[in-house]
Amino acid sequence: MEIKIENLKKVYGEKTALDISELTIKSGELVGLVGNNGAGKTTLLRLILDLIKATDGNVLSADKDVSQSDDWKLYTGSFIDGHFLIDFYTPEEYFTFIARLYGISDETLHERLETFRPLMHDEILGTKKYLRDFSEGNRQKIGIIGAMMIRPKVLLLDEPFNYLDPSSQIVVARMIADMNRELGTTVLISSHNLSFVSDISSRILLLERGLIIKDLPNNQGSAIQELNDYFNAET
């Protein structure tokens, strides 16, 4: 699924948080968003998900305005932060809730959750704990699994490597890349981890002060040197 942005702007008072005149994320691309804090990465993701209202402009998913149509919700998986979770559910209840929304049978749900065992490390299912009682790392894993288990055509993740131990970061990066390659999922991920972003992304957008200042092709990690040079010059 293709995502198009046209004259998109978000303003808070006197501050312009995001200002993108034109951007197309082609179907099947895996795009990384990088930038310093306050660059506009999360704002962009929230606008694409219609979580906040744009001051001006439009976001189109499969040629339909996300603020005017709900069609995109049927094929989009996302995890922005812990507010996406239902804290008084157990993981099993949370995953079942999502499965019901997307018409996933109990058998299929079980099969799909099995594919995430390497990420769960026997610390999530069967614990009888509520989501509010899990560590930040395991809450992050539950949110990512919830977004990916529907096998979306569009996947949006904000800082998916946050709170995760090194081995889990590697597993998540591999899962994202596999979904993009095997299912043709259009992926947009925001992260401060330049290494993982450059390892898996086919294209990287560098944002600063709400503007896209670099749009870099990333063939086999070719963008990493330019990114490192940019951030080194900032220090």
C-alpha atoms as a PDB file:
ATOM      1  CA  MET A   1       0.000   0.000   0.000  1.00  0.00           C
ATOM      2  CA  GLU A   2       1.268   3.429  -0.932  1.00  0.00           C
ATOM      3  CA  ILE A   3       1.214   6.407   1.423  1.00  0.00           C
ATOM      4  CA  LYS A   4       1.166   9.940   0.047  1.00  0.00           C
ATOM      5  CA  ILE A   5       1.589  13.179   1.953  1.00  0.00           C
ATOM      6  CA  GLU A   6       0.483  16.494   0.464  1.00  0.00           C
ATOM      7  CA  ASN A   7       1.246  19.888   2.041  1.00  0.00           C
ATOM      8  CA  LEU A   8       1.104  18.362   5.512  1.00  0.00           C
ATOM      9  CA  LYS A   9       1.590  20.760   8.403  1.00  0.00           C
ATOM     10  CA  LYS A  10       1.114  20.526  12.150  1.00  0.00           C
ATOM     11  CA  VAL A  11       1.394  23.691  14.227  1.00  0.00           C
ATOM     12  CA  TYR A  12       1.205  24.030  18.002  1.00  0.00           C
ATOM     13  CA  GLY A  13       0.812  27.683  18.936  1.00  0.00           C
ATOM     14  CA  GLU A  14       3.887  29.450  17.586  1.00  0.00           C
ATOM     15  CA  LYS A  15       5.778  26.233  16.842  1.00  0.00           C
ATOM     16  CA  THR A  16       5.627  24.302  13.593  1.00  0.00           C
ATOM     17  CA  ALA A  17       6.127  20.653  14.559  1.00  0.00           C
ATOM     18  CA  LEU A  18       5.934  19.306  11.013  1.00  0.00           C
ATOM     19  CA  ASP A  19       5.952  20.807   7.523  1.00  0.00           C
ATOM     20  CA  ILE A  20       6.179  18.399   4.567  1.00  0.00           C
ATOM     21  CA  SER A  21       5.081  19.652   1.168  1.00  0.00           C
ATOM     22  CA  GLU A  22       5.242  16.296  -0.588  1.00  0.00           C
ATOM     23  CA  LEU A  23       6.255  12.741   0.298  1.00  0.00           C
ATOM     24  CA  THR A  24       5.453   9.364  -1.220  1.00  0.00           C
ATOM     25  CA  ILE A  25       6.230   6.084   0.501  1.00  0.00           C
ATOM     26  CA  LYS A  26       5.874   3.479  -2.183  1.00  0.00           C
ATOM     27  CA  SER A  27       4.169   0.154  -1.652  1.00  0.00           C
ATOM     28  CA  GLY A  28       6.641  -2.372  -0.253  1.00  0.00           C
ATOM     29  CA  GLU A  29       9.235   0.165   0.892  1.00  0.00           C
ATOM     30  CA  LEU A  30      10.889  -0.128   4.304  1.00  0.00           C
ATOM     31  CA  VAL A  31      11.547   3.462   5.338  1.00  0.00           C
ATOM     32  CA  GLY A  32      13.442   4.593   8.403  1.00  0.00           C
ATOM     33  CA  LEU A  33      12.792   7.944  10.106  1.00  0.00           C
ATOM     34  CA  VAL A  34      15.742   9.414  11.978  1.00  0.00           C
ATOM     35  CA  GLY A  35      16.408  12.731  13.648  1.00  0.00           C
ATOM     36  CA  ASN A  36      17.070  14.378  16.979  1.00  0.00           C
ATOM     37  CA  ASN A  37      14.398  14.716  19.649  1.00  0.00           C
ATOM     38  CA  GLY A  38      11.683  17.111  18.514  1.00  0.00           C
ATOM     39  CA  ALA A  39      12.456  16.585  14.831  1.00  0.00           C
ATOM     40  CA  GLY A  40       8.860  15.606  14.047  1.00  0.00           C
ATOM     41  CA  LYS A  41       9.165  11.839  13.666  1.00  0.00           C
ATOM     42  CA  THR A  42       6.414  10.862  16.104  1.00  0.00           C
ATOM     43  CA  THR A  43       4.215  13.717  14.900  1.00  0.00           C
ATOM     44  CA  LEU A  44       4.444  12.342  11.364  1.00  0.00           C
ATOM     45  CA  LEU A  45       3.483   8.842  12.494  1.00  0.00           C
ATOM     46  CA  ARG A  46       0.553  10.166  14.523  1.00  0.00           C
ATOM     47  CA  LEU A  47      -0.716  12.162  11.548  1.00  0.00           C
ATOM     48  CA  ILE A  48      -0.504   9.116   9.286  1.00  0.00           C
ATOM     49  CA  LEU A  49      -2.555   7.197  11.867  1.00  0.00           C
ATOM     50  CA  ASP A  50      -5.058  10.064  12.212  1.00  0.00           C
ATOM     51  CA  LEU A  51      -4.331  10.267  15.939  1.00  0.00           C
ATOM     52  CA  ILE A  52      -3.935  14.023  15.732  1.00  0.00           C
ATOM     53  CA  LYS A  53      -5.542  16.531  13.393  1.00  0.00           C
ATOM     54  CA  ALA A  54      -3.370  18.202  10.794  1.00  0.00           C
ATOM     55  CA  THR A  55      -3.263  21.983  10.721  1.00  0.00           C
ATOM     56  CA  ASP A  56      -3.156  21.737   6.948  1.00  0.00           C
ATOM     57  CA  GLY A  57      -2.697  19.146   4.230  1.00  0.00           C
ATOM     58  CA  ASN A  58      -3.538  15.493   3.770  1.00  0.00           C
ATOM     59  CA  VAL A  59      -2.307  11.946   4.321  1.00  0.00           C
ATOM     60  CA  LEU A  60      -3.483   9.440   1.727  1.00  0.00           C
ATOM     61  CA  SER A  61      -3.290   5.689   2.253  1.00  0.00           C
ATOM     62  CA  ALA A  62      -4.094   3.736  -0.907  1.00  0.00           C
ATOM     63  CA  ASP A  63      -5.329   7.054  -2.356  1.00  0.00           C
ATOM     64  CA  LYS A  64      -7.859   7.642   0.443  1.00  0.00           C
ATOM     65  CA  ASP A  65      -7.581  10.439   2.986  1.00  0.00           C
ATOM     66  CA  VAL A  66      -7.041   8.825   6.393  1.00  0.00           C
ATOM     67  CA  SER A  67      -9.100  11.543   8.063  1.00  0.00           C
ATOM     68  CA  GLN A  68     -12.088  10.863   5.806  1.00  0.00           C
ATOM     69  CA  SER A  69     -12.036   7.060   5.476  1.00  0.00           C
ATOM     70  CA  ASP A  70     -11.562   4.157   7.891  1.00  0.00           C
ATOM     71  CA  ASP A  71     -10.519   1.669   5.187  1.00  0.00           C
ATOM     72  CA  TRP A  72      -6.831   2.011   6.066  1.00  0.00           C
ATOM     73  CA  LYS A  73      -7.457   0.694   9.578  1.00  0.00           C
ATOM     74  CA  LEU A  74      -8.248  -2.752   8.166  1.00  0.00           C
ATOM     75  CA  TYR A  75      -4.730  -3.248   6.799  1.00  0.00           C
ATOM     76  CA  THR A  76      -2.562  -1.093   9.084  1.00  0.00           C
ATOM     77  CA  GLY A  77      -0.651  -2.310  12.133  1.00  0.00           C
ATOM     78  CA  SER A  78       0.982   0.147  14.499  1.00  0.00           C
ATOM     79  CA  PHE A  79       2.571   0.646  17.889  1.00  0.00           C
ATOM     80  CA  ILE A  80       3.533   4.145  18.960  1.00  0.00           C
ATOM     81  CA  ASP A  81       3.695   3.874  22.745  1.00  0.00           C
ATOM     82  CA  GLY A  82       2.237   2.141  25.797  1.00  0.00           C
ATOM     83  CA  HIS A  83      -1.068   3.968  25.433  1.00  0.00           C
ATOM     84  CA  PHE A  84      -1.863   1.501  22.645  1.00  0.00           C
ATOM     85  CA  LEU A  85      -2.029  -1.294  25.239  1.00  0.00           C
ATOM     86  CA  ILE A  86      -5.010  -2.223  27.425  1.00  0.00           C
ATOM     87  CA  ASP A  87      -3.427  -2.368  30.847  1.00  0.00           C
ATOM     88  CA  PHE A  88      -6.119  -4.437  32.599  1.00  0.00           C
ATOM     89  CA  TYR A  89      -5.844  -7.257  30.022  1.00  0.00           C
ATOM     90  CA  THR A  90      -3.475 -10.198  30.161  1.00  0.00           C
ATOM     91  CA  PRO A  91      -1.362 -10.730  27.024  1.00  0.00           C
ATOM     92  CA  GLU A  92      -3.678 -13.545  25.940  1.00  0.00           C
ATOM     93  CA  GLU A  93      -6.719 -11.285  26.326  1.00  0.00           C
ATOM     94  CA  TYR A  94      -5.005  -8.457  24.488  1.00  0.00           C
ATOM     95  CA  PHE A  95      -3.976 -10.624  21.536  1.00  0.00           C
ATOM     96  CA  THR A  96      -7.435 -12.217  21.389  1.00  0.00           C
ATOM     97  CA  PHE A  97      -9.037  -8.756  21.401  1.00  0.00           C
ATOM     98  CA  ILE A  98      -6.926  -7.741  18.395  1.00  0.00           C
ATOM     99  CA  ALA A  99      -7.645 -11.046  16.641  1.00  0.00           C
ATOM    100  CA  ARG A 100     -11.391 -10.488  17.002  1.00  0.00           C
ATOM    101  CA  LEU A 101     -11.105  -6.998  15.500  1.00  0.00           C
ATOM    102  CA  TYR A 102      -9.327  -8.378  12.435  1.00  0.00           C
ATOM    103  CA  GLY A 103     -11.331 -11.586  12.030  1.00  0.00           C
ATOM    104  CA  ILE A 104      -8.459 -13.878  12.971  1.00  0.00           C
ATOM    105  CA  SER A 105      -9.551 -17.316  14.172  1.00  0.00           C
ATOM    106  CA  ASP A 106      -8.296 -18.837  17.432  1.00  0.00           C
ATOM    107  CA  GLU A 107      -6.349 -21.450  15.493  1.00  0.00           C
ATOM    108  CA  THR A 108      -4.677 -18.870  13.285  1.00  0.00           C
ATOM    109  CA  LEU A 109      -3.941 -16.679  16.302  1.00  0.00           C
ATOM    110  CA  HIS A 110      -2.204 -19.568  18.047  1.00  0.00           C
ATOM    111  CA  GLU A 111      -0.147 -20.319  14.926  1.00  0.00           C
ATOM    112  CA  ARG A 112       0.902 -16.705  14.520  1.00  0.00           C
ATOM    113  CA  LEU A 113       1.835 -16.242  18.169  1.00  0.00           C
ATOM    114  CA  GLU A 114       4.093 -19.274  17.895  1.00  0.00           C
ATOM    115  CA  THR A 115       6.179 -17.405  15.327  1.00  0.00           C
ATOM    116  CA  PHE A 116       6.896 -14.749  17.973  1.00  0.00           C
ATOM    117  CA  ARG A 117       8.206 -17.223  20.588  1.00  0.00           C
ATOM    118  CA  PRO A 118      11.848 -16.153  19.978  1.00  0.00           C
ATOM    119  CA  LEU A 119      10.889 -12.645  21.096  1.00  0.00           C
ATOM    120  CA  MET A 120       8.723 -13.608  24.068  1.00  0.00           C
ATOM    121  CA  HIS A 121      11.301 -15.834  25.823  1.00  0.00           C
ATOM    122  CA  ASP A 122       8.520 -17.532  27.862  1.00  0.00           C
ATOM    123  CA  GLU A 123       8.106 -14.246  29.775  1.00  0.00           C
ATOM    124  CA  ILE A 124       4.766 -13.136  28.310  1.00  0.00           C
ATOM    125  CA  LEU A 125       2.265 -15.913  27.589  1.00  0.00           C
ATOM    126  CA  GLY A 126       1.068 -18.019  30.501  1.00  0.00           C
ATOM    127  CA  THR A 127       2.241 -15.566  33.154  1.00  0.00           C
ATOM    128  CA  LYS A 128      -1.321 -14.570  34.242  1.00  0.00           C
ATOM    129  CA  LYS A 129      -0.074 -11.006  34.633  1.00  0.00           C
ATOM    130  CA  TYR A 130      -1.863  -7.856  33.533  1.00  0.00           C
ATOM    131  CA  LEU A 131      -0.103  -5.728  30.940  1.00  0.00           C
ATOM    132  CA  ARG A 132       0.360  -2.951  33.504  1.00  0.00           C
ATOM    133  CA  ASP A 133       2.540  -5.279  35.593  1.00  0.00           C
ATOM    134  CA  PHE A 134       5.074  -6.094  32.871  1.00  0.00           C
ATOM    135  CA  SER A 135       8.453  -4.424  32.478  1.00  0.00           C
ATOM    136  CA  GLU A 136       8.761  -1.691  29.843  1.00  0.00           C
ATOM    137  CA  GLY A 137      10.724  -4.096  27.673  1.00  0.00           C
ATOM    138  CA  ASN A 138       8.026  -6.756  27.694  1.00  0.00           C
ATOM    139  CA  ARG A 139       5.289  -4.155  27.203  1.00  0.00           C
ATOM    140  CA  GLN A 140       7.205  -3.024  24.132  1.00  0.00           C
ATOM    141  CA  LYS A 141       7.337  -6.589  22.850  1.00  0.00           C
ATOM    142  CA  ILE A 142       3.600  -7.099  23.419  1.00  0.00           C
ATOM    143  CA  GLY A 143       2.801  -3.916  21.503  1.00  0.00           C
ATOM    144  CA  ILE A 144       5.030  -4.867  18.581  1.00  0.00           C
ATOM    145  CA  ILE A 145       3.575  -8.385  18.426  1.00  0.00           C
ATOM    146  CA  GLY A 146       0.054  -6.958  18.488  1.00  0.00           C
ATOM    147  CA  ALA A 147       0.894  -4.721  15.535  1.00  0.00           C
ATOM    148  CA  MET A 148       2.597  -7.432  13.500  1.00  0.00           C
ATOM    149  CA  MET A 149       0.409 -10.469  14.195  1.00  0.00           C
ATOM    150  CA  ILE A 150      -2.361  -9.132  11.940  1.00  0.00           C
ATOM    151  CA  ARG A 151       0.125  -9.364   9.036  1.00  0.00           C
ATOM    152  CA  PRO A 152      -0.576  -5.778   7.961  1.00  0.00           C
ATOM    153  CA  LYS A 153      -0.075  -4.276   4.549  1.00  0.00           C
ATOM    154  CA  VAL A 154       1.204  -1.135   6.295  1.00  0.00           C
ATOM    155  CA  LEU A 155       3.241  -1.230   9.521  1.00  0.00           C
ATOM    156  CA  LEU A 156       4.188   1.834  11.582  1.00  0.00           C
ATOM    157  CA  LEU A 157       6.444   1.543  14.628  1.00  0.00           C
ATOM    158  CA  ASP A 158       7.842   4.344  16.777  1.00  0.00           C
ATOM    159  CA  GLU A 159      11.175   3.533  18.449  1.00  0.00           C
ATOM    160  CA  PRO A 160      10.640  -0.258  18.290  1.00  0.00           C
ATOM    161  CA  PHE A 161      14.070  -0.946  19.813  1.00  0.00           C
ATOM    162  CA  ASN A 162      13.446   1.096  22.962  1.00  0.00           C
ATOM    163  CA  TYR A 163      13.618  -0.788  26.281  1.00  0.00           C
ATOM    164  CA  LEU A 164      14.756  -4.003  24.568  1.00  0.00           C
ATOM    165  CA  ASP A 165      17.881  -5.964  25.417  1.00  0.00           C
ATOM    166  CA  PRO A 166      20.406  -6.438  22.584  1.00  0.00           C
ATOM    167  CA  SER A 167      19.229  -9.924  21.599  1.00  0.00           C
ATOM    168  CA  SER A 168      15.601  -8.788  21.443  1.00  0.00           C
ATOM    169  CA  GLN A 169      16.577  -5.765  19.336  1.00  0.00           C
ATOM    170  CA  ILE A 170      18.146  -8.116  16.817  1.00  0.00           C
ATOM    171  CA  VAL A 171      15.044 -10.327  16.766  1.00  0.00           C
ATOM    172  CA  VAL A 172      12.725  -7.340  16.236  1.00  0.00           C
ATOM    173  CA  ALA A 173      14.889  -5.960  13.428  1.00  0.00           C
ATOM    174  CA  ARG A 174      14.871  -9.351  11.722  1.00  0.00           C
ATOM    175  CA  MET A 175      11.088  -9.718  12.110  1.00  0.00           C
ATOM    176  CA  ILE A 176      10.481  -6.289  10.560  1.00  0.00           C
ATOM    177  CA  ALA A 177      12.773  -7.034   7.623  1.00  0.00           C
ATOM    178  CA  ASP A 178      11.220 -10.484   7.108  1.00  0.00           C
ATOM    179  CA  MET A 179       7.680  -9.080   7.075  1.00  0.00           C
ATOM    180  CA  ASN A 180       8.674  -6.444   4.538  1.00  0.00           C
ATOM    181  CA  ARG A 181      10.428  -8.972   2.312  1.00  0.00           C
ATOM    182  CA  GLU A 182       8.002 -11.900   2.582  1.00  0.00           C
ATOM    183  CA  LEU A 183       4.646 -10.089   2.689  1.00  0.00           C
ATOM    184  CA  GLY A 184       5.539  -6.899   0.815  1.00  0.00           C
ATOM    185  CA  THR A 185       4.434  -4.845   3.813  1.00  0.00           C
ATOM    186  CA  THR A 186       5.037  -1.106   3.557  1.00  0.00           C
ATOM    187  CA  VAL A 187       6.989  -0.249   6.714  1.00  0.00           C
ATOM    188  CA  LEU A 188       7.753   3.069   8.367  1.00  0.00           C
ATOM    189  CA  ILE A 189       9.853   2.979  11.535  1.00  0.00           C
ATOM    190  CA  SER A 190      11.173   5.815  13.664  1.00  0.00           C
ATOM    191  CA  SER A 191      14.332   5.167  15.640  1.00  0.00           C
ATOM    192  CA  HIS A 192      17.410   6.751  17.197  1.00  0.00           C
ATOM    193  CA  ASN A 193      19.299   3.518  16.500  1.00  0.00           C
ATOM    194  CA  LEU A 194      21.123   4.366  13.277  1.00  0.00           C
ATOM    195  CA  SER A 195      22.713   0.938  13.077  1.00  0.00           C
ATOM    196  CA  PHE A 196      19.487  -1.051  12.981  1.00  0.00           C
ATOM    197  CA  VAL A 197      17.731   1.465  10.744  1.00  0.00           C
ATOM    198  CA  SER A 198      20.551   1.386   8.206  1.00  0.00           C
ATOM    199  CA  ASP A 199      20.717  -2.415   8.364  1.00  0.00           C
ATOM    200  CA  ILE A 200      17.090  -3.011   7.382  1.00  0.00           C
ATOM    201  CA  SER A 201      15.754   0.114   5.628  1.00  0.00           C
ATOM    202  CA  SER A 202      15.686   0.578   1.872  1.00  0.00           C
ATOM    203  CA  ARG A 203      15.342   4.339   2.336  1.00  0.00           C
ATOM    204  CA  ILE A 204      15.996   6.737   5.211  1.00  0.00           C
ATOM    205  CA  LEU A 205      14.390  10.108   5.870  1.00  0.00           C
ATOM    206  CA  LEU A 206      16.293  12.538   8.088  1.00  0.00           C
ATOM    207  CA  LEU A 207      14.050  15.043   9.851  1.00  0.00           C
ATOM    208  CA  GLU A 208      15.001  18.185  11.721  1.00  0.00           C
ATOM    209  CA  ARG A 209      12.648  20.852  13.100  1.00  0.00           C
ATOM    210  CA  GLY A 210       9.716  19.325  11.269  1.00  0.00           C
ATOM    211  CA  LEU A 211      11.390  19.278   7.855  1.00  0.00           C
ATOM    212  CA  ILE A 212      12.774  16.413   5.781  1.00  0.00           C
ATOM    213  CA  ILE A 213      16.317  17.588   5.157  1.00  0.00           C
ATOM    214  CA  LYS A 214      17.639  14.386   3.591  1.00  0.00           C
ATOM    215  CA  ASP A 215      15.925  11.590   1.655  1.00  0.00           C
ATOM    216  CA  LEU A 216      18.551   8.896   1.315  1.00  0.00           C
ATOM    217  CA  PRO A 217      18.475   5.658  -0.678  1.00  0.00           C
ATOM    218  CA  ASN A 218      20.017   2.956   1.460  1.00  0.00           C
ATOM    219  CA  ASN A 219      21.387   0.174  -0.667  1.00  0.00           C
ATOM    220  CA  GLN A 220      23.127  -2.305   1.653  1.00  0.00           C
ATOM    221  CA  GLY A 221      23.579   0.308   4.358  1.00  0.00           C
ATOM    222  CA  SER A 222      25.019   2.969   2.044  1.00  0.00           C
ATOM    223  CA  ALA A 223      23.389   5.824   3.982  1.00  0.00           C
ATOM    224  CA  ILE A 224      25.065   5.163   7.325  1.00  0.00           C
ATOM    225  CA  GLN A 225      28.201   7.200   6.617  1.00  0.00           C
ATOM    226  CA  GLU A 226      26.232  10.286   5.574  1.00  0.00           C
ATOM    227  CA  LEU A 227      24.039   9.963   8.663  1.00  0.00           C
ATOM    228  CA  ASN A 228      27.030   9.558  10.960  1.00  0.00           C
ATOM    229  CA  ASP A 229      28.709  12.599   9.370  1.00  0.00           C
ATOM    230  CA  TYR A 230      25.567  14.661   9.892  1.00  0.00           C
ATOM    231  CA  PHE A 231      25.087  13.772  13.560  1.00  0.00           C
ATOM    232  CA  ASN A 232      28.808  14.074  14.328  1.00  0.00           C
ATOM    233  CA  ALA A 233      28.731  17.590  12.915  1.00  0.00           C
ATOM    234  CA  GLU A 234      25.817  18.376  15.255  1.00  0.00           C
ATOM    235  CA  THR A 235      27.862  17.588  18.380  1.00  0.00           C
END
